[in-house]
Amino acid sequence: MRIIYVDVDTLRADHTTPYGYHRPTTPNLQKLADKSVVFDRYYCSDSPCMPSRTALTSGQFGITNGVVGHFGPAAQFRLDAGHAPEPDRPLLGQWLGWGGHYTAAVSVFAERHRAYFFHGNFRESIRATARFGDEEAPDVNRAATDWLRRHADEENWYLHLTYWDPHTNYTQPAEWTERMAASGPVQAWPDEETIAAHAEIYGPRSALDLHYSLTGPGTSPVPHNMPDAIRGRADFEHLINGYDGAVAYWDHYLGQLMATLEELGIAQDTAVIVSADHGESFGEQGSYAEHGLANEPTHRLPLVFHWPGVTDTLSAEARRNDALLYNIDLAPTLCDLLGMDIPAGWQGRSFAAAVRGEQIESREYLVLGHGAHTYQRAVRTRDHLYIRTYHPGCFRAEWEQLFHVTEDPYLTRDLLDAEPELAARMRAHLAEWWNEYAGRPGCLPDPMQTTLQTGPTYYNDPVDYARHLRDTGRGHLADDLETRLAALNVPVSWHAPDRPRTAELLQRWTRLLQTRDQSPVAQPARATQPAAGPERATRSAQPEQAAHAGPAHPTRNG
């Protein structure tokens, strides 16, 4: 079987057409969905980028594989000693390779997050450009199309494609943002009153600190696609227009990818699976254009699953499934569909029966974890979401919260005090899960707890951020942040004299690539450009090599 896994960074499910979005952001994804099974309750077990993709390809929760965040002990993939892969817990790509599939990727994820173990999934890893997460969809398609032309006549392969366009900053040509703005109104929530209240919720990527990042405060590097801050509905609408434009831009190139499969004569026998690493908050809990909390908009993922000869024969009813699923379930599902054994060390469950249109038993609850911007775990049942904060980072994150997501999708009413029995059940679910994976004899330590004791924890230093709050006339918010942090009694993780020099490294890397651009020796070979559509004509002229080398536009942080 030929299989393409389309991995779209920061693709929020409810901003796509198959999930009922009122704007025409993803017509090509909808065409695929018309012959696929669409999964409505599919969640990443761990977020953001590195924990999610590690869970996906390891078939294990972050509490087991070791990766729950982006820094320090939270980002160390657990490997047993020895020289050979581990047969009980191989990476997905390794297992597919042993089963006879040639595995390849067009992805810069491993370099972007220093997740070099990710390369172990693939016999062939291709970087579409010299960037590290800033390449656009046409860059990825250029490399993917070249690969497909070379391997179209082969029967069994697995190709992983990583697209970054919906991740901040939104760098698509302005035409795409304008097109979305003209396509229909932005959602009514948050209203002006809510946005005004969000001025009291602090944190990087909050309403007033939308562009506070690794290098400190800033203004929008892409003013045609993102505002400087969210001070009212006009700013919010501008932000959503930019995000939707980025999603539509990616979808256009998904359409080109599908057209290439048709051209090569392999569309009818190539499985195409589209999903994401995580979603994005747009005002929920005061967070904007960020994936820094263990909440619904961050953890819910799209999953459009096309398996030729199977999903395209199903009824419309059978092509929709609402079982509670994790992304760690994908690896065993692929093995099941391919007739392969499922490794004993994987923790996911196959949902192959649902791909065939059958009903499957749903889990009672899921446990979701985040360990980069904050340290949180959450419990998701069919209707409710319970969030437990272990460390708030630089955010105004409450220690416990409880929401009825079905009735309150924007997470505006905390039911913790009003529903004590429900809150107790959710705490019990979290304890049950933790005891299963970290509390039994023989279990490895919980990497989230380890990191809380040793640090480092964040992208942003709370000491610097508290100073920024005072400098901008928000001393009462700085006091609140410092009070929350002092209550934890783990100062090493936030005073952090040894905290990662991520911002400095990012700046050095950018300068290095800019220097490389000017070298006549170091220029990469030029690939054939895809046919230029009108959407490309709006971008200001740049040297062709800019698509292959250093950042020619603002970088995507996080």
Protein backbone atom coordinates (compact mmCIF):
# COMPACT_ATOMS: atom_id res chain seq x y z
CA MET A 1 0.00 0.00 0.00
CA ARG A 2 1.15 3.53 -0.79
CA ILE A 3 0.49 5.82 2.19
CA ILE A 4 0.88 9.60 2.54
CA TYR A 5 0.58 11.12 5.99
CA VAL A 6 -0.07 14.87 5.76
CA ASP A 7 1.05 16.48 9.00
CA VAL A 8 -0.15 20.10 9.24
CA ASP A 9 1.26 22.11 12.11
CA THR A 10 -1.32 24.06 14.16
CA LEU A 11 -4.36 23.05 12.11
CA ARG A 12 -7.43 23.68 14.25
CA ALA A 13 -10.16 21.19 13.34
CA ASP A 14 -13.10 23.56 13.63
CA HIS A 15 -11.53 25.97 11.15
CA THR A 16 -11.77 23.39 8.36
CA THR A 17 -14.69 22.57 6.07
CA PRO A 18 -15.08 18.87 7.06
CA TYR A 19 -15.66 20.00 10.65
CA GLY A 20 -18.43 22.43 9.78
CA TYR A 21 -16.55 25.73 9.53
CA HIS A 22 -18.68 28.40 7.90
CA ARG A 23 -15.84 29.81 5.80
CA PRO A 24 -14.52 27.98 2.72
CA THR A 25 -11.02 27.45 4.10
CA THR A 26 -10.43 23.88 2.93
CA PRO A 27 -12.33 22.84 -0.21
CA ASN A 28 -9.61 20.36 -1.19
CA LEU A 29 -9.62 18.75 2.25
CA GLN A 30 -13.39 18.46 1.89
CA LYS A 31 -12.98 16.64 -1.44
CA LEU A 32 -10.76 14.15 0.35
CA ALA A 33 -13.20 13.93 3.27
CA ASP A 34 -16.00 13.00 0.86
CA LYS A 35 -14.28 9.63 0.36
CA SER A 36 -12.78 9.29 3.85
CA VAL A 37 -13.75 8.64 7.44
CA VAL A 38 -13.72 11.87 9.45
CA PHE A 39 -13.02 11.47 13.17
CA ASP A 40 -14.70 14.07 15.37
CA ARG A 41 -13.04 13.36 18.74
CA TYR A 42 -9.39 12.77 17.90
CA TYR A 43 -6.87 14.28 20.33
CA CYS A 44 -3.12 14.50 20.73
CA SER A 45 -2.13 12.81 23.96
CA ASP A 46 0.66 15.35 24.49
CA SER A 47 1.28 18.85 23.18
CA PRO A 48 2.73 20.91 21.61
CA CYS A 49 4.83 20.00 18.55
CA MET A 50 7.60 17.73 19.83
CA PRO A 51 5.53 15.81 22.42
CA SER A 52 2.72 15.27 19.91
CA ARG A 53 4.86 13.96 17.07
CA THR A 54 6.86 11.82 19.47
CA ALA A 55 3.66 10.26 20.78
CA LEU A 56 2.39 9.74 17.23
CA THR A 57 5.48 7.91 16.02
CA SER A 58 6.33 6.06 19.24
CA GLY A 59 2.79 4.84 19.92
CA GLN A 60 3.27 5.85 23.55
CA PHE A 61 2.22 8.60 25.93
CA GLY A 62 4.83 11.20 26.78
CA ILE A 63 4.85 9.97 30.36
CA THR A 64 6.33 6.73 28.99
CA ASN A 65 8.42 7.81 25.99
CA GLY A 66 9.92 10.68 28.01
CA VAL A 67 8.90 13.64 25.83
CA VAL A 68 6.33 15.93 27.44
CA GLY A 69 7.84 19.29 26.47
CA HIS A 70 10.48 21.06 24.41
CA PHE A 71 13.34 21.63 26.84
CA GLY A 72 15.60 19.81 29.27
CA PRO A 73 14.47 16.55 30.88
CA ALA A 74 11.01 17.08 29.38
CA ALA A 75 12.39 16.62 25.86
CA GLN A 76 14.55 13.51 26.22
CA PHE A 77 13.28 10.53 24.27
CA ARG A 78 13.85 7.36 26.25
CA LEU A 79 16.02 4.75 24.56
CA ASP A 80 17.19 1.45 25.98
CA ALA A 81 20.89 0.65 25.77
CA GLY A 82 22.07 -1.27 22.74
CA HIS A 83 22.76 -0.98 19.05
CA ALA A 84 19.54 -2.22 17.45
CA PRO A 85 15.99 -0.82 17.43
CA GLU A 86 13.69 -2.05 20.16
CA PRO A 87 11.27 -4.69 18.81
CA ASP A 88 8.71 -4.13 21.59
CA ARG A 89 8.56 -0.34 21.13
CA PRO A 90 9.87 0.57 17.67
CA LEU A 91 9.09 3.84 16.01
CA LEU A 92 6.21 3.65 13.56
CA GLY A 93 8.44 4.16 10.54
CA GLN A 94 10.86 1.48 11.70
CA TRP A 95 8.03 -1.01 12.08
CA LEU A 96 6.57 -0.19 8.68
CA GLY A 97 10.02 -0.55 7.17
CA TRP A 98 10.47 -4.00 8.70
CA GLY A 99 7.07 -4.85 7.22
CA GLY A 100 8.24 -4.05 3.70
CA HIS A 101 7.43 -0.35 3.27
CA TYR A 102 9.99 2.17 2.05
CA THR A 103 9.67 5.08 4.49
CA ALA A 104 10.49 8.70 3.71
CA ALA A 105 9.73 12.18 4.99
CA VAL A 106 9.77 15.74 3.74
CA SER A 107 10.03 17.40 7.13
CA VAL A 108 12.32 19.71 9.05
CA PHE A 109 10.70 18.84 12.36
CA ALA A 110 13.73 16.90 13.66
CA GLU A 111 16.08 19.85 13.17
CA ARG A 112 13.58 22.44 14.39
CA HIS A 113 13.12 20.69 17.72
CA ARG A 114 16.41 18.77 17.97
CA ALA A 115 14.30 15.63 17.83
CA TYR A 116 16.90 13.70 15.88
CA PHE A 117 15.44 10.34 16.90
CA PHE A 118 12.57 11.25 14.55
CA HIS A 119 14.90 10.44 11.63
CA GLY A 120 14.85 6.84 12.85
CA ASN A 121 11.38 6.54 11.34
CA PHE A 122 12.64 6.97 7.81
CA ARG A 123 15.10 5.49 5.37
CA GLU A 124 15.08 8.84 3.59
CA SER A 125 14.64 12.28 5.18
CA ILE A 126 14.40 15.35 2.97
CA ARG A 127 14.62 18.98 4.01
CA ALA A 128 12.71 21.05 1.48
CA THR A 129 14.76 24.16 2.35
CA ALA A 130 17.57 25.17 4.68
CA ARG A 131 15.05 26.75 7.03
CA PHE A 132 13.78 25.09 10.18
CA GLY A 133 10.02 25.41 10.16
CA ASP A 134 9.55 28.45 7.94
CA GLU A 135 9.26 26.72 4.59
CA GLU A 136 5.90 27.23 2.94
CA ALA A 137 3.59 24.71 1.32
CA PRO A 138 5.03 25.18 -2.20
CA ASP A 139 8.49 24.37 -0.84
CA VAL A 140 7.21 21.12 0.68
CA ASN A 141 5.25 20.26 -2.45
CA ARG A 142 8.27 20.81 -4.65
CA ALA A 143 10.25 18.20 -2.74
CA ALA A 144 7.25 15.88 -2.34
CA THR A 145 6.41 16.00 -6.05
CA ASP A 146 9.98 15.15 -6.98
CA TRP A 147 9.91 12.20 -4.57
CA LEU A 148 6.55 10.97 -5.86
CA ARG A 149 7.70 11.04 -9.47
CA ARG A 150 10.69 8.89 -8.54
CA HIS A 151 8.66 6.37 -6.54
CA ALA A 152 5.27 6.31 -8.27
CA ASP A 153 5.91 2.89 -9.82
CA GLU A 154 6.73 1.29 -6.47
CA GLU A 155 4.03 -0.50 -4.54
CA ASN A 156 4.70 -0.12 -0.82
CA TRP A 157 5.86 3.13 0.71
CA TYR A 158 5.03 5.57 3.50
CA LEU A 159 5.63 9.29 2.94
CA HIS A 160 5.36 11.76 5.84
CA LEU A 161 4.89 15.41 4.80
CA THR A 162 5.09 18.24 7.35
CA TYR A 163 3.45 21.58 6.47
CA TRP A 164 3.84 24.67 8.66
CA ASP A 165 1.66 27.38 7.11
CA PRO A 166 -1.02 27.70 9.87
CA HIS A 167 1.68 28.19 12.53
CA THR A 168 2.42 31.77 13.58
CA ASN A 169 3.63 33.92 12.04
CA TYR A 170 1.20 33.80 9.12
CA THR A 171 3.42 34.51 6.14
CA GLN A 172 1.12 33.71 3.23
CA PRO A 173 0.57 36.39 0.56
CA ALA A 174 -1.97 39.01 1.63
CA GLU A 175 -4.37 37.90 -1.08
CA TRP A 176 -5.26 34.80 0.92
CA THR A 177 -6.08 36.80 4.03
CA GLU A 178 -8.18 39.21 1.99
CA ARG A 179 -9.99 36.32 0.34
CA MET A 180 -11.00 34.90 3.72
CA ALA A 181 -12.05 38.31 5.01
CA ALA A 182 -14.42 38.60 2.06
CA SER A 183 -15.78 35.07 2.45
CA GLY A 184 -17.94 35.61 5.51
CA PRO A 185 -18.01 37.04 9.03
CA VAL A 186 -15.69 35.98 11.83
CA GLN A 187 -17.28 34.08 14.74
CA ALA A 188 -19.15 36.30 17.21
CA TRP A 189 -17.09 35.23 20.25
CA PRO A 190 -15.16 36.86 21.86
CA ASP A 191 -17.18 40.07 21.92
CA GLU A 192 -15.83 43.49 22.86
CA GLU A 193 -16.60 43.00 26.56
CA THR A 194 -14.76 39.68 26.66
CA ILE A 195 -11.74 41.08 24.84
CA ALA A 196 -11.60 43.98 27.30
CA ALA A 197 -11.62 41.48 30.18
CA HIS A 198 -8.79 39.56 28.52
CA ALA A 199 -6.51 42.54 29.11
CA GLU A 200 -6.27 41.22 32.69
CA ILE A 201 -5.11 37.78 31.52
CA TYR A 202 -1.38 37.88 31.00
CA GLY A 203 1.12 35.66 29.24
CA PRO A 204 2.97 35.47 25.94
CA ARG A 205 0.40 35.36 23.13
CA SER A 206 -2.26 36.93 25.34
CA ALA A 207 -4.42 39.82 24.14
CA LEU A 208 -1.95 42.62 24.94
CA ASP A 209 1.21 40.53 24.49
CA LEU A 210 0.36 38.86 21.20
CA HIS A 211 3.95 39.12 19.98
CA TYR A 212 5.86 38.66 23.21
CA SER A 213 8.19 35.82 22.28
CA LEU A 214 11.65 34.38 22.78
CA THR A 215 13.24 37.75 22.14
CA GLY A 216 10.86 39.75 24.34
CA PRO A 217 8.04 42.14 23.40
CA GLY A 218 7.41 43.07 19.80
CA THR A 219 4.97 44.18 17.15
CA SER A 220 3.50 42.21 14.30
CA PRO A 221 6.17 41.12 11.78
CA VAL A 222 3.37 40.47 9.27
CA PRO A 223 0.94 43.38 9.74
CA HIS A 224 -1.06 42.39 6.66
CA ASN A 225 -1.89 39.05 8.35
CA MET A 226 -1.67 39.68 12.12
CA PRO A 227 -2.40 42.69 14.37
CA ASP A 228 0.01 44.01 17.00
CA ALA A 229 -2.38 43.13 19.83
CA ILE A 230 -6.01 42.18 20.46
CA ARG A 231 -7.64 45.36 21.76
CA GLY A 232 -11.05 44.91 20.17
CA ARG A 233 -13.12 43.00 17.64
CA ALA A 234 -11.34 44.56 14.67
CA ASP A 235 -8.01 43.15 15.86
CA PHE A 236 -9.53 39.75 16.55
CA GLU A 237 -11.12 39.62 13.12
CA HIS A 238 -7.79 40.57 11.54
CA LEU A 239 -6.10 37.72 13.42
CA ILE A 240 -8.70 35.16 12.35
CA ASN A 241 -8.57 36.38 8.76
CA GLY A 242 -4.81 35.81 8.84
CA TYR A 243 -5.10 32.33 10.32
CA ASP A 244 -7.88 31.30 7.97
CA GLY A 245 -5.85 32.67 5.08
CA ALA A 246 -2.91 30.49 6.13
CA VAL A 247 -5.16 27.43 6.30
CA ALA A 248 -6.64 28.20 2.88
CA TYR A 249 -3.14 28.71 1.47
CA TRP A 250 -2.07 25.28 2.71
CA ASP A 251 -5.27 23.69 1.38
CA HIS A 252 -4.54 25.08 -2.09
CA TYR A 253 -1.30 23.11 -2.12
CA LEU A 254 -3.03 20.03 -0.74
CA GLY A 255 -5.11 20.26 -3.90
CA GLN A 256 -1.92 20.40 -5.96
CA LEU A 257 -0.59 17.33 -4.15
CA MET A 258 -3.78 15.39 -4.88
CA ALA A 259 -3.61 16.50 -8.52
CA THR A 260 -0.07 15.11 -8.72
CA LEU A 261 -1.33 11.72 -7.54
CA GLU A 262 -3.95 11.82 -10.30
CA GLU A 263 -1.36 12.81 -12.89
CA LEU A 264 0.89 9.92 -11.86
CA GLY A 265 -2.00 7.46 -12.00
CA ILE A 266 -1.73 6.41 -8.36
CA ALA A 267 -4.59 8.35 -6.75
CA GLN A 268 -6.88 5.32 -6.71
CA ASP A 269 -4.49 3.17 -4.69
CA THR A 270 -2.78 5.68 -2.39
CA ALA A 271 -3.99 6.13 1.17
CA VAL A 272 -3.98 9.78 2.27
CA ILE A 273 -4.31 10.67 5.94
CA VAL A 274 -4.51 14.32 7.01
CA SER A 275 -4.06 15.44 10.60
CA ALA A 276 -2.15 17.91 12.79
CA ASP A 277 0.25 17.96 15.70
CA HIS A 278 -2.01 20.29 17.71
CA GLY A 279 -4.60 23.01 17.27
CA GLU A 280 -4.62 26.63 18.44
CA SER A 281 -6.37 28.84 20.99
CA PHE A 282 -8.12 31.96 19.73
CA GLY A 283 -9.28 33.65 22.92
CA GLU A 284 -10.07 30.54 24.96
CA GLN A 285 -8.79 31.14 28.50
CA GLY A 286 -7.33 34.44 27.27
CA SER A 287 -4.78 32.81 24.95
CA TYR A 288 -4.51 33.98 21.34
CA ALA A 289 -2.70 32.32 18.43
CA GLU A 290 -0.97 29.95 20.83
CA HIS A 291 -0.89 26.28 21.79
CA GLY A 292 0.32 26.66 25.35
CA LEU A 293 -2.41 25.00 27.43
CA ALA A 294 -3.84 21.50 27.84
CA ASN A 295 -7.22 22.68 26.59
CA GLU A 296 -9.75 21.74 23.92
CA PRO A 297 -8.60 23.98 21.04
CA THR A 298 -4.97 22.92 21.51
CA HIS A 299 -5.50 19.17 21.83
CA ARG A 300 -8.38 18.45 19.47
CA LEU A 301 -7.08 17.47 16.04
CA PRO A 302 -8.60 16.96 12.63
CA LEU A 303 -8.30 13.44 11.23
CA VAL A 304 -9.41 12.76 7.68
CA PHE A 305 -8.58 9.13 6.88
CA HIS A 306 -8.78 7.91 3.28
CA TRP A 307 -8.04 4.22 2.67
CA PRO A 308 -8.68 3.34 -0.98
CA GLY A 309 -11.16 0.58 -1.67
CA VAL A 310 -12.49 0.89 1.87
CA THR A 311 -13.53 4.38 2.95
CA ASP A 312 -14.70 5.42 -0.51
CA THR A 313 -17.34 2.67 -0.47
CA LEU A 314 -18.91 3.67 2.85
CA SER A 315 -22.21 5.44 3.45
CA ALA A 316 -22.17 9.04 4.62
CA GLU A 317 -23.16 7.90 8.11
CA ALA A 318 -20.34 5.36 8.30
CA ARG A 319 -17.82 8.00 7.22
CA ARG A 320 -18.27 9.88 10.49
CA ASN A 321 -17.01 8.63 13.85
CA ASP A 322 -17.15 10.26 17.28
CA ALA A 323 -15.25 7.79 19.49
CA LEU A 324 -12.71 9.34 21.86
CA LEU A 325 -9.33 8.63 20.25
CA TYR A 326 -5.68 9.55 20.77
CA ASN A 327 -3.06 10.21 18.13
CA ILE A 328 -1.10 7.29 19.65
CA ASP A 329 -3.88 5.12 18.21
CA LEU A 330 -2.80 5.86 14.63
CA ALA A 331 0.28 3.61 14.60
CA PRO A 332 -1.56 0.42 15.67
CA THR A 333 -4.38 1.29 13.28
CA LEU A 334 -2.02 1.39 10.31
CA CYS A 335 -0.51 -1.94 11.34
CA ASP A 336 -3.97 -3.46 11.69
CA LEU A 337 -5.03 -2.26 8.24
CA LEU A 338 -1.81 -3.59 6.71
CA GLY A 339 -2.14 -6.97 8.42
CA MET A 340 0.94 -6.42 10.58
CA ASP A 341 1.43 -7.37 14.21
CA ILE A 342 1.16 -4.52 16.72
CA PRO A 343 4.24 -4.10 18.95
CA ALA A 344 3.61 -5.02 22.57
CA GLY A 345 5.08 -1.79 23.91
CA TRP A 346 2.75 0.53 22.03
CA GLN A 347 0.02 2.01 24.21
CA GLY A 348 -2.50 3.04 21.57
CA ARG A 349 -5.48 1.03 20.36
CA SER A 350 -6.33 0.25 16.76
CA PHE A 351 -9.42 1.94 15.34
CA ALA A 352 -9.15 0.08 12.02
CA ALA A 353 -12.72 -1.14 12.44
CA ALA A 354 -13.91 2.47 12.34
CA VAL A 355 -11.93 3.05 9.13
CA ARG A 356 -13.92 0.14 7.70
CA GLY A 357 -17.13 1.86 8.76
CA GLU A 358 -17.87 -0.24 11.82
CA GLN A 359 -18.86 1.03 15.25
CA ILE A 360 -16.12 0.88 17.87
CA GLU A 361 -16.19 1.18 21.64
CA SER A 362 -15.15 4.63 22.80
CA ARG A 363 -12.91 5.26 25.77
CA GLU A 364 -14.62 6.70 28.82
CA TYR A 365 -12.04 9.47 29.05
CA LEU A 366 -8.72 10.73 27.68
CA VAL A 367 -5.80 12.26 29.57
CA LEU A 368 -4.01 15.09 27.79
CA GLY A 369 -0.68 16.65 28.77
CA HIS A 370 1.19 19.87 27.97
CA GLY A 371 4.75 20.58 29.08
CA ALA A 372 6.26 23.49 27.15
CA HIS A 373 4.58 26.84 27.88
CA THR A 374 2.85 25.55 31.01
CA TYR A 375 2.82 22.23 32.83
CA GLN A 376 -0.72 20.86 32.79
CA ARG A 377 -2.66 17.65 32.45
CA ALA A 378 -6.31 17.44 31.54
CA VAL A 379 -9.08 14.87 31.52
CA ARG A 380 -11.51 14.89 28.59
CA THR A 381 -14.78 12.96 28.71
CA ARG A 382 -17.49 13.20 26.07
CA ASP A 383 -18.84 16.41 27.58
CA HIS A 384 -16.38 17.75 30.13
CA LEU A 385 -12.80 18.96 30.39
CA TYR A 386 -10.89 19.09 33.67
CA ILE A 387 -7.53 20.91 33.69
CA ARG A 388 -4.89 20.59 36.43
CA THR A 389 -1.99 23.05 36.43
CA TYR A 390 1.33 21.94 37.93
CA HIS A 391 3.21 25.06 36.85
CA PRO A 392 1.66 28.08 35.07
CA GLY A 393 4.80 29.26 33.30
CA CYS A 394 4.20 32.90 32.40
CA PHE A 395 0.44 32.42 32.04
CA ARG A 396 -2.43 33.29 34.33
CA ALA A 397 -3.42 29.64 34.55
CA GLU A 398 -5.67 28.52 37.39
CA TRP A 399 -4.64 25.48 39.43
CA GLU A 400 -7.81 23.56 38.60
CA GLN A 401 -10.66 24.22 36.18
CA LEU A 402 -13.69 22.28 34.98
CA PHE A 403 -15.72 23.02 31.85
CA HIS A 404 -18.77 21.58 30.09
CA VAL A 405 -17.28 21.74 26.60
CA THR A 406 -20.43 20.63 24.79
CA GLU A 407 -22.42 23.55 26.23
CA ASP A 408 -19.49 25.95 26.64
CA PRO A 409 -17.08 25.40 23.72
CA TYR A 410 -15.10 28.58 24.44
CA LEU A 411 -14.37 27.53 28.04
CA THR A 412 -15.90 30.58 29.70
CA ARG A 413 -17.65 29.08 32.76
CA ASP A 414 -15.54 27.27 35.35
CA LEU A 415 -17.71 24.64 37.08
CA LEU A 416 -15.15 23.48 39.63
CA ASP A 417 -17.01 24.86 42.66
CA ALA A 418 -20.49 24.23 41.27
CA GLU A 419 -19.88 20.55 40.44
CA PRO A 420 -17.79 19.08 43.30
CA GLU A 421 -18.80 15.45 42.64
CA LEU A 422 -17.95 15.71 38.96
CA ALA A 423 -14.65 17.39 39.82
CA ALA A 424 -13.84 14.52 42.19
CA ARG A 425 -14.53 11.95 39.46
CA MET A 426 -12.26 13.80 37.05
CA ARG A 427 -9.47 13.93 39.63
CA ALA A 428 -9.94 10.20 40.14
CA HIS A 429 -9.61 9.58 36.39
CA LEU A 430 -6.35 11.53 36.33
CA ALA A 431 -5.02 9.60 39.34
CA GLU A 432 -6.05 6.28 37.79
CA TRP A 433 -4.24 7.11 34.55
CA TRP A 434 -1.11 8.32 36.35
CA ASN A 435 -0.96 5.21 38.51
CA GLU A 436 -1.22 3.03 35.41
CA TYR A 437 1.68 4.67 33.59
CA ALA A 438 3.93 6.01 36.38
CA GLY A 439 2.76 4.60 39.70
CA ARG A 440 3.11 0.85 39.29
CA PRO A 441 6.31 -1.04 40.15
CA GLY A 442 8.65 -0.98 37.19
CA CYS A 443 7.28 2.25 35.71
CA LEU A 444 9.76 4.94 34.80
CA PRO A 445 9.52 8.34 36.56
CA ASP A 446 7.06 10.90 35.24
CA PRO A 447 9.18 13.32 33.15
CA MET A 448 6.82 16.17 33.98
CA GLN A 449 7.49 15.80 37.70
CA THR A 450 11.22 15.41 37.06
CA THR A 451 11.35 18.61 35.07
CA LEU A 452 9.40 20.53 37.68
CA GLN A 453 12.14 19.75 40.18
CA THR A 454 15.15 20.38 37.96
CA GLY A 455 14.02 22.84 35.28
CA PRO A 456 14.25 24.37 32.78
CA THR A 457 10.60 24.72 31.92
CA TYR A 458 9.82 27.45 29.44
CA TYR A 459 10.35 29.40 26.30
CA ASN A 460 10.01 32.60 28.33
CA ASP A 461 11.67 33.48 31.63
CA PRO A 462 8.96 34.54 34.11
CA VAL A 463 11.41 36.94 35.77
CA ASP A 464 11.87 38.80 32.49
CA TYR A 465 8.17 38.66 31.78
CA ALA A 466 7.22 40.05 35.19
CA ARG A 467 9.62 42.93 34.52
CA HIS A 468 7.89 43.49 31.17
CA LEU A 469 4.50 43.63 32.88
CA ARG A 470 5.77 46.31 35.27
CA ASP A 471 7.38 48.25 32.43
CA THR A 472 4.02 48.36 30.64
CA GLY A 473 2.02 49.59 33.64
CA ARG A 474 0.67 46.22 34.74
CA GLY A 475 2.42 45.84 38.06
CA HIS A 476 -0.63 44.20 39.64
CA LEU A 477 -0.39 41.42 37.07
CA ALA A 478 3.33 41.00 37.75
CA ASP A 479 2.46 40.65 41.44
CA ASP A 480 -0.09 37.98 40.59
CA LEU A 481 2.42 36.02 38.48
CA GLU A 482 5.08 36.15 41.19
CA THR A 483 2.58 35.05 43.85
CA ARG A 484 1.57 32.03 41.77
CA LEU A 485 5.16 31.04 41.17
CA ALA A 486 6.21 31.49 44.80
CA ALA A 487 3.47 29.08 45.87
CA LEU A 488 5.16 26.25 43.96
CA ASN A 489 8.40 26.25 45.94
CA VAL A 490 10.38 25.07 42.89
CA PRO A 491 12.32 28.26 42.09
CA VAL A 492 15.06 26.50 40.10
CA SER A 493 12.67 25.97 37.22
CA TRP A 494 11.86 29.63 36.80
CA HIS A 495 14.77 31.67 38.12
CA ALA A 496 16.74 29.28 35.89
CA PRO A 497 20.24 30.74 35.44
CA ASP A 498 20.84 27.73 33.19
CA ARG A 499 17.71 28.18 31.12
CA PRO A 500 18.09 27.35 27.41
CA ARG A 501 19.43 30.12 25.23
CA THR A 502 16.76 29.49 22.63
CA ALA A 503 16.34 33.10 21.57
CA GLU A 504 20.08 33.60 21.21
CA LEU A 505 20.47 30.39 19.20
CA LEU A 506 17.57 31.39 16.96
CA GLN A 507 19.19 34.74 16.21
CA ARG A 508 22.59 33.15 15.55
CA TRP A 509 21.07 30.59 13.19
CA THR A 510 19.20 33.28 11.28
CA ARG A 511 22.40 35.31 10.87
CA LEU A 512 24.24 32.20 9.71
CA LEU A 513 21.67 31.51 7.01
CA GLN A 514 21.68 35.14 5.90
CA THR A 515 25.47 34.98 5.54
CA ARG A 516 25.06 31.75 3.61
CA ASP A 517 22.70 33.49 1.19
CA GLN A 518 25.49 35.87 0.22
CA SER A 519 28.04 33.13 -0.49
CA PRO A 520 28.38 32.15 -4.17
CA VAL A 521 29.80 28.79 -3.04
CA ALA A 522 27.14 27.68 -0.60
CA GLN A 523 24.07 28.21 -2.79
CA PRO A 524 21.95 25.07 -3.06
CA ALA A 525 20.87 23.68 -6.39
CA ARG A 526 17.71 25.31 -7.64
CA ALA A 527 14.66 23.15 -7.96
CA THR A 528 12.00 23.65 -10.58
CA GLN A 529 9.36 26.00 -9.26
CA PRO A 530 5.70 24.91 -9.33
CA ALA A 531 3.49 26.68 -11.79
CA ALA A 532 2.94 30.18 -10.47
CA GLY A 533 -0.68 30.91 -9.73
CA PRO A 534 -2.13 34.35 -9.01
CA GLU A 535 -1.65 33.73 -5.30
CA ARG A 536 2.13 33.90 -5.74
CA ALA A 537 2.12 37.08 -7.79
CA THR A 538 1.30 39.27 -4.80
CA ARG A 539 4.55 38.48 -3.01
CA SER A 540 7.28 41.06 -3.53
CA ALA A 541 10.10 39.89 -5.77
CA GLN A 542 12.88 38.01 -4.00
CA PRO A 543 15.92 36.07 -5.16
CA GLU A 544 14.89 32.53 -6.10
CA GLN A 545 17.33 31.01 -3.64
CA ALA A 546 15.41 32.62 -0.78
CA ALA A 547 12.95 29.76 -1.02
CA HIS A 548 15.76 27.33 -0.34
CA ALA A 549 17.95 29.05 2.21
CA GLY A 550 17.59 31.48 5.10
CA PRO A 551 14.40 33.08 6.33
CA ALA A 552 13.09 35.57 3.79
CA HIS A 553 10.19 36.42 6.10
CA PRO A 554 9.46 36.30 9.83
CA THR A 555 10.23 33.01 11.54
CA ARG A 556 7.69 30.78 13.23
CA ASN A 557 8.44 30.62 16.95
CA GLY A 558 7.32 27.87 19.30
